[in-house]
Amino acid sequence: MRFLSMIRVNENSGQKPDERLMNDMGKLMDEMMREGKLIRTAGLRPTSEGVRVRLRKGQLSTFDGPFAETKEVVGGYAVVEAPSMKEAIDLTKRFLLVHGDEWDIECEVRQLASPEFGADGQVDRPEPCK
């Protein structure tokens, strides 16, 4: 099954990845790709460079970033291959732990909803973290 892990960041925090984080993340990504667990990953540019496209009551409109009402934004993503939600969460935890103690970030993990990725309408729910 494939899962999307979206990293949420406060883009106003001023935190930027340092050289250590980039090296450690590169090693982890290489390892997970060799194992067939990481399909794709990327960071996203700031919302100040983004555009929202909205359809409301049949009318399309666009809005240039930054988006003031948004505190936490999706700052990047990873598509992982895992036999269960529990394993997808474990893989996501590895990404988070590479960041170290100084980061305050979270990820949302969701299964891709397509039969070609193993989605059958059933999602196994692991026990909550204690």
Protein backbone atom coordinates (compact mmCIF):
# COMPACT_ATOMS: atom_id res chain seq x y z
CA MET A 1 0.00 0.00 0.00
CA ARG A 2 1.12 3.55 -0.56
CA PHE A 3 0.79 6.38 1.91
CA LEU A 4 1.31 10.12 1.70
CA SER A 5 3.15 11.66 4.63
CA MET A 6 2.73 15.45 4.64
CA ILE A 7 5.10 17.42 6.84
CA ARG A 8 3.46 20.42 8.47
CA VAL A 9 5.63 23.37 9.44
CA ASN A 10 5.18 26.87 10.77
CA GLU A 11 6.83 28.72 7.93
CA ASN A 12 7.09 31.86 10.07
CA SER A 13 9.39 30.11 12.58
CA GLY A 14 12.49 30.99 10.58
CA GLN A 15 13.86 27.46 10.90
CA LYS A 16 15.88 26.27 7.94
CA PRO A 17 17.53 22.88 7.46
CA ASP A 18 21.25 23.00 8.25
CA GLU A 19 24.02 20.99 6.58
CA ARG A 20 23.83 18.19 9.20
CA LEU A 21 20.10 17.75 8.65
CA MET A 22 20.46 17.75 4.86
CA ASN A 23 23.22 15.10 5.04
CA ASP A 24 21.34 12.91 7.53
CA MET A 25 18.11 13.23 5.55
CA GLY A 26 19.95 12.32 2.34
CA LYS A 27 21.34 9.16 3.96
CA LEU A 28 17.92 8.16 5.28
CA MET A 29 16.26 8.77 1.91
CA ASP A 30 18.94 6.73 0.08
CA GLU A 31 18.48 3.85 2.54
CA MET A 32 14.68 3.89 2.29
CA MET A 33 14.76 4.09 -1.52
CA ARG A 34 17.13 1.10 -1.70
CA GLU A 35 14.72 -0.82 0.54
CA GLY A 36 11.77 0.11 -1.72
CA LYS A 37 10.01 1.95 1.11
CA LEU A 38 10.40 5.51 -0.19
CA ILE A 39 8.76 6.19 -3.55
CA ARG A 40 9.13 9.96 -3.79
CA THR A 41 9.76 12.99 -1.60
CA ALA A 42 10.16 16.73 -1.98
CA GLY A 43 10.04 19.96 -0.07
CA LEU A 44 7.73 22.77 -1.09
CA ARG A 45 8.54 26.41 -1.78
CA PRO A 46 7.09 29.02 0.65
CA THR A 47 3.41 30.01 0.41
CA SER A 48 4.56 33.49 -0.61
CA GLU A 49 5.38 31.91 -3.98
CA GLY A 50 2.15 29.92 -4.17
CA VAL A 51 -1.29 30.49 -5.62
CA ARG A 52 -4.62 29.09 -4.46
CA VAL A 53 -7.20 28.24 -7.09
CA ARG A 54 -10.77 28.08 -5.82
CA LEU A 55 -14.05 26.89 -7.33
CA ARG A 56 -17.03 28.32 -5.47
CA LYS A 57 -20.58 28.13 -6.82
CA GLY A 58 -19.25 27.50 -10.34
CA GLN A 59 -16.87 30.50 -10.28
CA LEU A 60 -13.10 30.09 -10.45
CA SER A 61 -10.79 32.52 -8.68
CA THR A 62 -7.10 32.68 -7.80
CA PHE A 63 -5.32 34.12 -4.76
CA ASP A 64 -1.61 34.86 -4.57
CA GLY A 65 0.33 33.85 -1.45
CA PRO A 66 1.31 34.31 1.23
CA PHE A 67 -1.84 33.17 2.94
CA ALA A 68 -2.13 35.15 6.18
CA GLU A 69 -4.83 32.95 7.72
CA THR A 70 -2.54 29.92 7.56
CA LYS A 71 -0.19 29.23 10.46
CA GLU A 72 0.93 25.68 9.72
CA VAL A 73 1.42 24.70 6.10
CA VAL A 74 2.48 21.60 4.21
CA GLY A 75 6.22 22.10 3.82
CA GLY A 76 6.98 18.83 2.07
CA TYR A 77 5.82 15.31 1.48
CA ALA A 78 6.91 11.70 1.12
CA VAL A 79 5.13 8.85 -0.62
CA VAL A 80 6.01 5.62 1.17
CA GLU A 81 5.31 1.98 0.44
CA ALA A 82 4.24 0.02 3.51
CA PRO A 83 2.12 -3.05 4.25
CA SER A 84 0.07 -1.20 6.89
CA MET A 85 -0.72 2.20 8.38
CA LYS A 86 1.38 1.24 11.41
CA GLU A 87 4.47 0.70 9.26
CA ALA A 88 3.80 3.95 7.33
CA ILE A 89 3.70 5.76 10.68
CA ASP A 90 6.96 4.08 11.73
CA LEU A 91 8.63 5.24 8.50
CA THR A 92 7.32 8.77 9.08
CA LYS A 93 8.71 8.75 12.61
CA ARG A 94 12.16 8.05 11.14
CA PHE A 95 11.88 11.19 8.99
CA LEU A 96 10.85 13.28 11.99
CA LEU A 97 13.58 11.97 14.29
CA VAL A 98 16.30 12.98 11.81
CA HIS A 99 15.38 16.63 12.48
CA GLY A 100 16.58 16.54 16.08
CA ASP A 101 15.28 18.22 19.24
CA GLU A 102 15.24 21.80 17.96
CA TRP A 103 12.42 21.28 15.46
CA ASP A 104 8.68 21.52 16.19
CA ILE A 105 7.02 19.77 13.24
CA GLU A 106 4.39 17.13 12.58
CA CYS A 107 3.30 14.87 9.77
CA GLU A 108 -0.11 13.74 8.64
CA VAL A 109 -0.13 10.22 7.18
CA ARG A 110 -2.91 9.15 4.82
CA GLN A 111 -3.32 6.14 2.56
CA LEU A 112 -3.58 6.85 -1.15
CA ALA A 113 -7.11 6.00 -2.28
CA SER A 114 -6.57 3.97 -5.39
CA PRO A 115 -6.85 0.21 -6.01
CA GLU A 116 -3.48 0.28 -7.83
CA PHE A 117 -1.84 1.30 -4.52
CA GLY A 118 -3.59 -1.35 -2.41
CA ALA A 119 -6.52 0.79 -1.22
CA ASP A 120 -9.52 -1.42 -0.61
CA GLY A 121 -11.61 0.99 1.40
CA GLN A 122 -10.34 -0.42 4.70
CA VAL A 123 -7.74 1.42 6.74
CA ASP A 124 -6.11 -0.32 9.66
CA ARG A 125 -5.84 1.99 12.66
CA PRO A 126 -2.87 1.44 14.96
CA GLU A 127 -3.06 2.07 18.66
CA PRO A 128 -2.53 5.76 19.57
CA CYS A 129 0.95 6.80 20.79
CA LYS A 130 1.30 7.07 24.53
